[in-house]
Amino acid sequence: MTNLWAHSVCMKNILVPTDFSENSKNALKYSQILFNSLECNFYILFVGTLLDSQTNSFGVLPKLNNDEPKEDAKERLADLVDGFKKQNTNGKHHFYPLLEFGFFVPTIRKQLEEKDIELIVMGTKGASGLKEKVVGSNAGDVITKVQCNTLVIPNDVEFHLPQEIAFPTDFNIFYSHYILRSIEEMLEVGSGKLRIMNAIRNGDGLSIEQETNKEYLFDYLEESFQERFSFHTVTNKNVKSAIQCFVESRDVEMIIMVAKNLNFIEQILFDPIVEKISFHTKIPFYVIHE
């Protein structure tokens, strides 16, 4: 596993998969704002297949030139990167095109190794109807199958540094140094405040293990951030409803989750039927892997 903090002092390597959509462009724009103060290499990756596809789902080659799909994709990628270079005013940000043809997840893993990637940033349309998943299948595959921190940027994200950051957790995991430092990075880039929330049913309490994990998390944050964090308990609600209420009541601008916490991730991101909840289309999800 790449050591995130060994690189963040000097250079941060970020992989941004693209399908030439506005969603994927938004992901890159947001990450530029988020890491404005850091020196970054943005690797903009298009993963295509030689087979023509009628779909525009993430990571599948859009309908380009039937005779020369490779060349057409290469030109579109070059134009995309050139456009970002021309618009960029931050001398610490650098942009590089990557064109690959093959399966999506193995290609992502290959680039992680070759480019020493620390973060994947992916755009997603989010849920706009009653029977749509919050994230697309490829974004879901990256979150669950690729061991790299991933930032999922929804379609209607607001382009500014997050000041209110929610961390839903059930305290059932041990917060390793890597998890804590990954959270700390998001707090440092925008001087935001962390709101740790736990949803429990009325009358339930925490186990000894959960209390121990919570205390460890508290001690770390108290030493590092003092007044910039708070703990919250939401009772008598299911997880999804609890997070929805919490996010809306506190004007949350980013949600952090740990990949180990599959209970939360599956309920929030991979529920096959998602209600029309506003934060799904507006708020970035930062998923931490160890």
C-alpha atoms as a PDB file:
ATOM      1  CA  MET A   1       0.000   0.000   0.000  1.00  0.00           C
ATOM      2  CA  THR A   2       1.278   3.416  -0.955  1.00  0.00           C
ATOM      3  CA  ASN A   3       2.081   5.658   1.975  1.00  0.00           C
ATOM      4  CA  LEU A   4      -0.165   8.678   1.395  1.00  0.00           C
ATOM      5  CA  TRP A   5       1.733  11.005   3.658  1.00  0.00           C
ATOM      6  CA  ALA A   6       5.160  10.162   2.398  1.00  0.00           C
ATOM      7  CA  HIS A   7       4.165  11.776  -0.897  1.00  0.00           C
ATOM      8  CA  SER A   8       1.740  14.508   0.124  1.00  0.00           C
ATOM      9  CA  VAL A   9       4.556  16.723   1.386  1.00  0.00           C
ATOM     10  CA  CYS A  10       6.175  16.920  -2.053  1.00  0.00           C
ATOM     11  CA  MET A  11       3.899  15.522  -4.769  1.00  0.00           C
ATOM     12  CA  LYS A  12       0.453  13.938  -4.790  1.00  0.00           C
ATOM     13  CA  ASN A  13      -0.367  11.504  -7.601  1.00  0.00           C
ATOM     14  CA  ILE A  14      -4.078  11.422  -8.469  1.00  0.00           C
ATOM     15  CA  LEU A  15      -5.816   9.163 -10.984  1.00  0.00           C
ATOM     16  CA  VAL A  16      -8.950  10.577 -12.637  1.00  0.00           C
ATOM     17  CA  PRO A  17     -10.785   8.099 -14.906  1.00  0.00           C
ATOM     18  CA  THR A  18     -12.768   9.847 -17.632  1.00  0.00           C
ATOM     19  CA  ASP A  19     -15.452   8.974 -20.161  1.00  0.00           C
ATOM     20  CA  PHE A  20     -15.409  12.517 -21.584  1.00  0.00           C
ATOM     21  CA  SER A  21     -18.651  13.330 -19.754  1.00  0.00           C
ATOM     22  CA  GLU A  22     -19.339  16.447 -17.705  1.00  0.00           C
ATOM     23  CA  ASN A  23     -19.436  14.222 -14.622  1.00  0.00           C
ATOM     24  CA  SER A  24     -15.846  13.129 -15.061  1.00  0.00           C
ATOM     25  CA  LYS A  25     -14.758  16.696 -15.877  1.00  0.00           C
ATOM     26  CA  ASN A  26     -16.430  17.891 -12.682  1.00  0.00           C
ATOM     27  CA  ALA A  27     -14.452  15.315 -10.726  1.00  0.00           C
ATOM     28  CA  LEU A  28     -11.183  16.755 -11.995  1.00  0.00           C
ATOM     29  CA  LYS A  29     -12.309  20.351 -11.393  1.00  0.00           C
ATOM     30  CA  TYR A  30     -13.312  19.545  -7.827  1.00  0.00           C
ATOM     31  CA  SER A  31     -10.029  17.788  -7.053  1.00  0.00           C
ATOM     32  CA  GLN A  32      -8.090  20.789  -8.389  1.00  0.00           C
ATOM     33  CA  ILE A  33      -9.929  23.039  -5.939  1.00  0.00           C
ATOM     34  CA  LEU A  34      -9.619  20.557  -3.084  1.00  0.00           C
ATOM     35  CA  PHE A  35      -5.863  20.163  -3.482  1.00  0.00           C
ATOM     36  CA  ASN A  36      -5.144  23.722  -4.565  1.00  0.00           C
ATOM     37  CA  SER A  37      -2.375  24.099  -1.977  1.00  0.00           C
ATOM     38  CA  LEU A  38      -0.597  20.847  -2.880  1.00  0.00           C
ATOM     39  CA  GLU A  39       1.663  19.968  -5.750  1.00  0.00           C
ATOM     40  CA  CYS A  40      -0.215  17.332  -7.769  1.00  0.00           C
ATOM     41  CA  ASN A  41       0.137  15.106 -10.796  1.00  0.00           C
ATOM     42  CA  PHE A  42      -3.301  14.472 -12.312  1.00  0.00           C
ATOM     43  CA  TYR A  43      -3.320  11.343 -14.478  1.00  0.00           C
ATOM     44  CA  ILE A  44      -6.443  11.468 -16.650  1.00  0.00           C
ATOM     45  CA  LEU A  45      -7.266   7.919 -17.707  1.00  0.00           C
ATOM     46  CA  PHE A  46      -9.584   6.715 -20.452  1.00  0.00           C
ATOM     47  CA  VAL A  47     -10.259   2.964 -20.422  1.00  0.00           C
ATOM     48  CA  GLY A  48     -11.866   1.757 -23.631  1.00  0.00           C
ATOM     49  CA  THR A  49     -12.700  -1.489 -25.356  1.00  0.00           C
ATOM     50  CA  LEU A  50     -12.103  -2.341 -28.993  1.00  0.00           C
ATOM     51  CA  LEU A  51     -15.692  -3.532 -29.209  1.00  0.00           C
ATOM     52  CA  ASP A  52     -18.156  -0.845 -30.187  1.00  0.00           C
ATOM     53  CA  SER A  53     -20.582  -0.140 -27.380  1.00  0.00           C
ATOM     54  CA  GLN A  54     -24.018   1.382 -27.536  1.00  0.00           C
ATOM     55  CA  THR A  55     -23.818   2.417 -23.888  1.00  0.00           C
ATOM     56  CA  ASN A  56     -22.153   5.382 -22.285  1.00  0.00           C
ATOM     57  CA  SER A  57     -21.696   3.742 -18.909  1.00  0.00           C
ATOM     58  CA  PHE A  58     -18.547   4.695 -17.040  1.00  0.00           C
ATOM     59  CA  GLY A  59     -15.337   3.293 -18.458  1.00  0.00           C
ATOM     60  CA  VAL A  60     -16.904   1.922 -21.648  1.00  0.00           C
ATOM     61  CA  LEU A  61     -15.731   3.360 -24.949  1.00  0.00           C
ATOM     62  CA  PRO A  62     -18.355   5.821 -26.206  1.00  0.00           C
ATOM     63  CA  LYS A  63     -19.483   5.718 -29.830  1.00  0.00           C
ATOM     64  CA  LEU A  64     -16.540   7.327 -31.554  1.00  0.00           C
ATOM     65  CA  ASN A  65     -15.235   6.667 -35.050  1.00  0.00           C
ATOM     66  CA  ASN A  66     -16.129   3.082 -35.960  1.00  0.00           C
ATOM     67  CA  ASP A  67     -13.104   2.787 -38.236  1.00  0.00           C
ATOM     68  CA  GLU A  68     -10.484   4.170 -35.870  1.00  0.00           C
ATOM     69  CA  PRO A  69     -11.712   3.914 -32.288  1.00  0.00           C
ATOM     70  CA  LYS A  70      -8.222   4.043 -30.796  1.00  0.00           C
ATOM     71  CA  GLU A  71      -7.143   7.165 -32.667  1.00  0.00           C
ATOM     72  CA  ASP A  72     -10.417   8.959 -32.004  1.00  0.00           C
ATOM     73  CA  ALA A  73     -10.207   8.247 -28.273  1.00  0.00           C
ATOM     74  CA  LYS A  74      -6.562   9.340 -28.264  1.00  0.00           C
ATOM     75  CA  GLU A  75      -7.439  12.658 -29.873  1.00  0.00           C
ATOM     76  CA  ARG A  76     -10.371  13.306 -27.542  1.00  0.00           C
ATOM     77  CA  LEU A  77      -8.221  12.544 -24.515  1.00  0.00           C
ATOM     78  CA  ALA A  78      -5.447  14.835 -25.748  1.00  0.00           C
ATOM     79  CA  ASP A  79      -7.958  17.637 -26.336  1.00  0.00           C
ATOM     80  CA  LEU A  80      -9.438  17.127 -22.872  1.00  0.00           C
ATOM     81  CA  VAL A  81      -6.054  17.314 -21.146  1.00  0.00           C
ATOM     82  CA  ASP A  82      -4.942  20.288 -23.257  1.00  0.00           C
ATOM     83  CA  GLY A  83      -8.121  22.099 -22.256  1.00  0.00           C
ATOM     84  CA  PHE A  84      -7.412  21.593 -18.567  1.00  0.00           C
ATOM     85  CA  LYS A  85      -3.813  22.683 -19.023  1.00  0.00           C
ATOM     86  CA  LYS A  86      -4.901  25.932 -20.681  1.00  0.00           C
ATOM     87  CA  GLN A  87      -7.478  26.686 -17.984  1.00  0.00           C
ATOM     88  CA  ASN A  88      -5.128  25.834 -15.144  1.00  0.00           C
ATOM     89  CA  THR A  89      -3.640  28.753 -13.203  1.00  0.00           C
ATOM     90  CA  ASN A  90      -1.937  26.675 -10.510  1.00  0.00           C
ATOM     91  CA  GLY A  91       1.722  26.107 -11.285  1.00  0.00           C
ATOM     92  CA  LYS A  92       1.795  23.197  -8.835  1.00  0.00           C
ATOM     93  CA  HIS A  93      -0.733  21.151 -10.822  1.00  0.00           C
ATOM     94  CA  HIS A  94       0.341  18.964 -13.756  1.00  0.00           C
ATOM     95  CA  PHE A  95      -1.829  16.934 -16.148  1.00  0.00           C
ATOM     96  CA  TYR A  96      -1.022  13.748 -18.055  1.00  0.00           C
ATOM     97  CA  PRO A  97      -3.217  11.709 -20.453  1.00  0.00           C
ATOM     98  CA  LEU A  98      -3.411   7.919 -20.109  1.00  0.00           C
ATOM     99  CA  LEU A  99      -5.103   5.799 -22.778  1.00  0.00           C
ATOM    100  CA  GLU A 100      -5.704   2.098 -22.133  1.00  0.00           C
ATOM    101  CA  PHE A 101      -7.896  -0.565 -23.726  1.00  0.00           C
ATOM    102  CA  GLY A 102      -9.019  -3.512 -21.638  1.00  0.00           C
ATOM    103  CA  PHE A 103     -10.951  -4.357 -18.503  1.00  0.00           C
ATOM    104  CA  PHE A 104     -11.625  -1.448 -16.171  1.00  0.00           C
ATOM    105  CA  VAL A 105     -10.552  -2.645 -12.702  1.00  0.00           C
ATOM    106  CA  PRO A 106      -7.333  -4.427 -13.808  1.00  0.00           C
ATOM    107  CA  THR A 107      -6.386  -1.301 -15.760  1.00  0.00           C
ATOM    108  CA  ILE A 108      -6.944   0.864 -12.689  1.00  0.00           C
ATOM    109  CA  ARG A 109      -4.769  -1.469 -10.603  1.00  0.00           C
ATOM    110  CA  LYS A 110      -2.030  -1.367 -13.228  1.00  0.00           C
ATOM    111  CA  GLN A 111      -1.934   2.427 -13.152  1.00  0.00           C
ATOM    112  CA  LEU A 112      -1.818   2.478  -9.348  1.00  0.00           C
ATOM    113  CA  GLU A 113       1.423   0.513  -9.460  1.00  0.00           C
ATOM    114  CA  GLU A 114       3.004   2.261 -12.441  1.00  0.00           C
ATOM    115  CA  LYS A 115       2.220   5.833 -11.393  1.00  0.00           C
ATOM    116  CA  ASP A 116       2.352   5.360  -7.596  1.00  0.00           C
ATOM    117  CA  ILE A 117      -1.215   6.638  -7.295  1.00  0.00           C
ATOM    118  CA  GLU A 118      -2.439   7.712  -3.842  1.00  0.00           C
ATOM    119  CA  LEU A 119      -5.987   8.775  -4.700  1.00  0.00           C
ATOM    120  CA  ILE A 120      -8.611   7.927  -7.316  1.00  0.00           C
ATOM    121  CA  VAL A 121     -11.167  10.636  -8.128  1.00  0.00           C
ATOM    122  CA  MET A 122     -14.285   9.520  -9.985  1.00  0.00           C
ATOM    123  CA  GLY A 123     -17.338  11.386 -11.206  1.00  0.00           C
ATOM    124  CA  THR A 124     -20.815   9.908 -10.974  1.00  0.00           C
ATOM    125  CA  LYS A 125     -24.259  11.126 -11.945  1.00  0.00           C
ATOM    126  CA  GLY A 126     -25.734  10.065  -8.621  1.00  0.00           C
ATOM    127  CA  ALA A 127     -29.289   8.919  -8.046  1.00  0.00           C
ATOM    128  CA  SER A 128     -31.951  10.959  -9.801  1.00  0.00           C
ATOM    129  CA  GLY A 129     -34.765   8.422  -9.830  1.00  0.00           C
ATOM    130  CA  LEU A 130     -36.365   5.805  -7.620  1.00  0.00           C
ATOM    131  CA  LYS A 131     -34.535   2.857  -9.159  1.00  0.00           C
ATOM    132  CA  GLU A 132     -31.065   4.212  -9.711  1.00  0.00           C
ATOM    133  CA  LYS A 133     -27.974   3.361  -7.732  1.00  0.00           C
ATOM    134  CA  VAL A 134     -26.068   6.198  -6.156  1.00  0.00           C
ATOM    135  CA  VAL A 135     -22.838   5.264  -7.902  1.00  0.00           C
ATOM    136  CA  GLY A 136     -22.347   3.503 -11.216  1.00  0.00           C
ATOM    137  CA  SER A 137     -21.088  -0.041 -11.511  1.00  0.00           C
ATOM    138  CA  ASN A 138     -17.491   0.904 -12.305  1.00  0.00           C
ATOM    139  CA  ALA A 139     -17.261   3.406  -9.472  1.00  0.00           C
ATOM    140  CA  GLY A 140     -18.715   0.722  -7.204  1.00  0.00           C
ATOM    141  CA  ASP A 141     -16.139  -1.785  -8.444  1.00  0.00           C
ATOM    142  CA  VAL A 142     -13.297   0.605  -7.695  1.00  0.00           C
ATOM    143  CA  ILE A 143     -14.577   1.301  -4.173  1.00  0.00           C
ATOM    144  CA  THR A 144     -14.958  -2.389  -3.322  1.00  0.00           C
ATOM    145  CA  LYS A 145     -12.194  -4.049  -5.357  1.00  0.00           C
ATOM    146  CA  VAL A 146      -9.319  -1.555  -5.603  1.00  0.00           C
ATOM    147  CA  GLN A 147      -7.152  -0.898  -2.552  1.00  0.00           C
ATOM    148  CA  CYS A 148      -6.788   2.842  -2.932  1.00  0.00           C
ATOM    149  CA  ASN A 149      -8.505   5.816  -1.348  1.00  0.00           C
ATOM    150  CA  THR A 150     -11.308   6.958  -3.654  1.00  0.00           C
ATOM    151  CA  LEU A 151     -13.144  10.262  -3.876  1.00  0.00           C
ATOM    152  CA  VAL A 152     -16.538   9.996  -5.605  1.00  0.00           C
ATOM    153  CA  ILE A 153     -17.793  13.318  -6.989  1.00  0.00           C
ATOM    154  CA  PRO A 154     -21.527  13.591  -7.755  1.00  0.00           C
ATOM    155  CA  ASN A 155     -23.019  15.535 -10.627  1.00  0.00           C
ATOM    156  CA  ASP A 156     -24.235  18.622  -8.751  1.00  0.00           C
ATOM    157  CA  VAL A 157     -21.270  19.135  -6.435  1.00  0.00           C
ATOM    158  CA  GLU A 158     -20.527  22.679  -5.286  1.00  0.00           C
ATOM    159  CA  PHE A 159     -17.007  23.754  -6.169  1.00  0.00           C
ATOM    160  CA  HIS A 160     -15.522  24.910  -2.892  1.00  0.00           C
ATOM    161  CA  LEU A 161     -13.504  23.476  -0.023  1.00  0.00           C
ATOM    162  CA  PRO A 162     -15.618  21.378   2.367  1.00  0.00           C
ATOM    163  CA  GLN A 163     -16.070  23.013   5.756  1.00  0.00           C
ATOM    164  CA  GLU A 164     -18.491  20.506   7.298  1.00  0.00           C
ATOM    165  CA  ILE A 165     -17.317  16.894   6.914  1.00  0.00           C
ATOM    166  CA  ALA A 166     -19.391  13.981   8.197  1.00  0.00           C
ATOM    167  CA  PHE A 167     -17.860  10.680   9.280  1.00  0.00           C
ATOM    168  CA  PRO A 168     -20.634   8.088   9.804  1.00  0.00           C
ATOM    169  CA  THR A 169     -19.298   5.107  11.755  1.00  0.00           C
ATOM    170  CA  ASP A 170     -20.578   2.352  14.029  1.00  0.00           C
ATOM    171  CA  PHE A 171     -17.259   2.201  15.966  1.00  0.00           C
ATOM    172  CA  ASN A 172     -16.905  -1.477  15.019  1.00  0.00           C
ATOM    173  CA  ILE A 173     -13.545  -0.968  13.330  1.00  0.00           C
ATOM    174  CA  PHE A 174     -10.146  -0.074  14.740  1.00  0.00           C
ATOM    175  CA  TYR A 175      -9.022   3.301  13.412  1.00  0.00           C
ATOM    176  CA  SER A 176      -5.550   2.581  12.130  1.00  0.00           C
ATOM    177  CA  HIS A 177      -2.889   5.220  11.635  1.00  0.00           C
ATOM    178  CA  TYR A 178      -3.527   5.216   7.888  1.00  0.00           C
ATOM    179  CA  ILE A 179      -7.272   5.776   8.335  1.00  0.00           C
ATOM    180  CA  LEU A 180      -6.680   8.624  10.771  1.00  0.00           C
ATOM    181  CA  ARG A 181      -4.070  10.303   8.587  1.00  0.00           C
ATOM    182  CA  SER A 182      -6.344  10.023   5.544  1.00  0.00           C
ATOM    183  CA  ILE A 183      -9.117  11.756   7.485  1.00  0.00           C
ATOM    184  CA  GLU A 184      -6.647  14.340   8.708  1.00  0.00           C
ATOM    185  CA  GLU A 185      -5.638  15.195   5.158  1.00  0.00           C
ATOM    186  CA  MET A 186      -9.199  16.137   4.252  1.00  0.00           C
ATOM    187  CA  LEU A 187      -9.425  18.324   7.321  1.00  0.00           C
ATOM    188  CA  GLU A 188      -6.142  20.049   6.540  1.00  0.00           C
ATOM    189  CA  VAL A 189      -6.729  20.891   2.866  1.00  0.00           C
ATOM    190  CA  GLY A 190      -9.849  22.901   3.653  1.00  0.00           C
ATOM    191  CA  SER A 191      -9.569  23.680   7.366  1.00  0.00           C
ATOM    192  CA  GLY A 192     -12.867  21.841   7.750  1.00  0.00           C
ATOM    193  CA  LYS A 193     -14.582  20.424  10.818  1.00  0.00           C
ATOM    194  CA  LEU A 194     -15.234  16.718  11.339  1.00  0.00           C
ATOM    195  CA  ARG A 195     -18.619  15.517  12.606  1.00  0.00           C
ATOM    196  CA  ILE A 196     -18.482  11.888  13.742  1.00  0.00           C
ATOM    197  CA  MET A 197     -21.973  10.395  13.765  1.00  0.00           C
ATOM    198  CA  ASN A 198     -23.255   7.064  15.022  1.00  0.00           C
ATOM    199  CA  ALA A 199     -26.765   5.788  14.298  1.00  0.00           C
ATOM    200  CA  ILE A 200     -28.243   3.474  16.943  1.00  0.00           C
ATOM    201  CA  ARG A 201     -31.699   2.161  17.649  1.00  0.00           C
ATOM    202  CA  ASN A 202     -33.520   3.539  20.649  1.00  0.00           C
ATOM    203  CA  GLY A 203     -32.324   1.743  23.776  1.00  0.00           C
ATOM    204  CA  ASP A 204     -29.202   0.261  22.204  1.00  0.00           C
ATOM    205  CA  GLY A 205     -25.740   1.038  23.522  1.00  0.00           C
ATOM    206  CA  LEU A 206     -22.133   0.515  22.479  1.00  0.00           C
ATOM    207  CA  SER A 207     -20.205  -2.652  23.231  1.00  0.00           C
ATOM    208  CA  ILE A 208     -16.904  -2.572  25.115  1.00  0.00           C
ATOM    209  CA  GLU A 209     -15.031  -2.879  21.818  1.00  0.00           C
ATOM    210  CA  GLN A 210     -17.026  -0.032  20.262  1.00  0.00           C
ATOM    211  CA  GLU A 211     -16.411   2.175  23.298  1.00  0.00           C
ATOM    212  CA  THR A 212     -12.681   1.427  23.102  1.00  0.00           C
ATOM    213  CA  ASN A 213     -12.533   2.319  19.404  1.00  0.00           C
ATOM    214  CA  LYS A 214     -14.519   5.493  20.002  1.00  0.00           C
ATOM    215  CA  GLU A 215     -12.208   6.555  22.820  1.00  0.00           C
ATOM    216  CA  TYR A 216      -9.137   5.945  20.661  1.00  0.00           C
ATOM    217  CA  LEU A 217     -10.633   8.051  17.871  1.00  0.00           C
ATOM    218  CA  PHE A 218     -11.499  10.813  20.335  1.00  0.00           C
ATOM    219  CA  ASP A 219      -7.993  10.886  21.824  1.00  0.00           C
ATOM    220  CA  TYR A 220      -6.370  11.175  18.406  1.00  0.00           C
ATOM    221  CA  LEU A 221      -8.662  13.956  17.221  1.00  0.00           C
ATOM    222  CA  GLU A 222      -8.402  15.869  20.494  1.00  0.00           C
ATOM    223  CA  GLU A 223      -4.639  15.913  20.223  1.00  0.00           C
ATOM    224  CA  SER A 224      -4.613  16.911  16.554  1.00  0.00           C
ATOM    225  CA  PHE A 225      -7.672  19.116  16.044  1.00  0.00           C
ATOM    226  CA  GLN A 226      -9.023  20.204  19.442  1.00  0.00           C
ATOM    227  CA  GLU A 227     -12.170  22.229  18.673  1.00  0.00           C
ATOM    228  CA  ARG A 228     -12.538  21.099  15.054  1.00  0.00           C
ATOM    229  CA  PHE A 229     -14.457  17.877  15.689  1.00  0.00           C
ATOM    230  CA  SER A 230     -17.561  16.665  17.511  1.00  0.00           C
ATOM    231  CA  PHE A 231     -19.373  13.373  18.203  1.00  0.00           C
ATOM    232  CA  HIS A 232     -23.073  12.889  17.497  1.00  0.00           C
ATOM    233  CA  THR A 233     -25.517  10.036  18.147  1.00  0.00           C
ATOM    234  CA  VAL A 234     -28.733   9.681  16.141  1.00  0.00           C
ATOM    235  CA  THR A 235     -31.258   7.277  17.690  1.00  0.00           C
ATOM    236  CA  ASN A 236     -34.297   5.347  16.507  1.00  0.00           C
ATOM    237  CA  LYS A 237     -33.554   5.591  12.782  1.00  0.00           C
ATOM    238  CA  ASN A 238     -32.129   3.315  10.149  1.00  0.00           C
ATOM    239  CA  VAL A 239     -28.647   4.158   8.931  1.00  0.00           C
ATOM    240  CA  LYS A 240     -29.647   5.781   5.668  1.00  0.00           C
ATOM    241  CA  SER A 241     -32.342   7.955   7.208  1.00  0.00           C
ATOM    242  CA  ALA A 242     -30.039   8.934  10.050  1.00  0.00           C
ATOM    243  CA  ILE A 243     -27.309  10.052   7.669  1.00  0.00           C
ATOM    244  CA  GLN A 244     -29.819  11.919   5.520  1.00  0.00           C
ATOM    245  CA  CYS A 245     -31.164  13.872   8.502  1.00  0.00           C
ATOM    246  CA  PHE A 246     -27.684  14.542   9.838  1.00  0.00           C
ATOM    247  CA  VAL A 247     -26.307  15.736   6.504  1.00  0.00           C
ATOM    248  CA  GLU A 248     -29.217  18.050   5.874  1.00  0.00           C
ATOM    249  CA  SER A 249     -29.329  19.495   9.391  1.00  0.00           C
ATOM    250  CA  ARG A 250     -25.616  20.328   9.467  1.00  0.00           C
ATOM    251  CA  ASP A 251     -25.102  21.384   5.825  1.00  0.00           C
ATOM    252  CA  VAL A 252     -22.491  18.661   5.368  1.00  0.00           C
ATOM    253  CA  GLU A 253     -20.253  19.109   2.305  1.00  0.00           C
ATOM    254  CA  MET A 254     -18.335  15.808   2.319  1.00  0.00           C
ATOM    255  CA  ILE A 255     -18.940  12.330   3.720  1.00  0.00           C
ATOM    256  CA  ILE A 256     -16.015  10.136   4.754  1.00  0.00           C
ATOM    257  CA  MET A 257     -16.380   6.365   4.960  1.00  0.00           C
ATOM    258  CA  VAL A 258     -13.968   3.512   5.629  1.00  0.00           C
ATOM    259  CA  ALA A 259     -14.017   0.612   3.188  1.00  0.00           C
ATOM    260  CA  LYS A 260     -13.991  -1.838   6.112  1.00  0.00           C
ATOM    261  CA  ASN A 261     -17.346  -0.407   7.208  1.00  0.00           C
ATOM    262  CA  LEU A 262     -19.253  -2.305   4.518  1.00  0.00           C
ATOM    263  CA  ASN A 263     -22.475  -2.063   6.482  1.00  0.00           C
ATOM    264  CA  PHE A 264     -22.546   1.683   5.976  1.00  0.00           C
ATOM    265  CA  ILE A 265     -21.190   1.710   2.437  1.00  0.00           C
ATOM    266  CA  GLU A 266     -23.608  -0.912   1.148  1.00  0.00           C
ATOM    267  CA  GLN A 267     -26.619   0.829   2.635  1.00  0.00           C
ATOM    268  CA  ILE A 268     -25.648   4.292   1.464  1.00  0.00           C
ATOM    269  CA  LEU A 269     -23.957   3.720  -1.897  1.00  0.00           C
ATOM    270  CA  PHE A 270     -25.126   0.358  -3.199  1.00  0.00           C
ATOM    271  CA  ASP A 271     -28.764   0.124  -2.199  1.00  0.00           C
ATOM    272  CA  PRO A 272     -30.514  -1.059  -5.397  1.00  0.00           C
ATOM    273  CA  ILE A 273     -33.439   1.249  -4.761  1.00  0.00           C
ATOM    274  CA  VAL A 274     -32.540   4.700  -3.550  1.00  0.00           C
ATOM    275  CA  GLU A 275     -35.001   7.340  -2.459  1.00  0.00           C
ATOM    276  CA  LYS A 276     -34.695  10.814  -3.842  1.00  0.00           C
ATOM    277  CA  ILE A 277     -32.218  12.076  -1.285  1.00  0.00           C
ATOM    278  CA  SER A 278     -30.585  15.355  -2.161  1.00  0.00           C
ATOM    279  CA  PHE A 279     -27.133  14.666  -0.731  1.00  0.00           C
ATOM    280  CA  HIS A 280     -26.590  11.793  -3.165  1.00  0.00           C
ATOM    281  CA  THR A 281     -26.328  14.238  -6.055  1.00  0.00           C
ATOM    282  CA  LYS A 282     -24.440  17.009  -4.259  1.00  0.00           C
ATOM    283  CA  ILE A 283     -22.013  15.683  -1.669  1.00  0.00           C
ATOM    284  CA  PRO A 284     -18.688  13.931  -2.395  1.00  0.00           C
ATOM    285  CA  PHE A 285     -17.945  10.579  -0.748  1.00  0.00           C
ATOM    286  CA  TYR A 286     -14.398   9.919   0.378  1.00  0.00           C
ATOM    287  CA  VAL A 287     -13.830   6.182   0.844  1.00  0.00           C
ATOM    288  CA  ILE A 288     -10.682   5.213   2.741  1.00  0.00           C
ATOM    289  CA  HIS A 289      -8.845   1.921   2.127  1.00  0.00           C
ATOM    290  CA  GLU A 290      -6.016   0.524   4.187  1.00  0.00           C
END
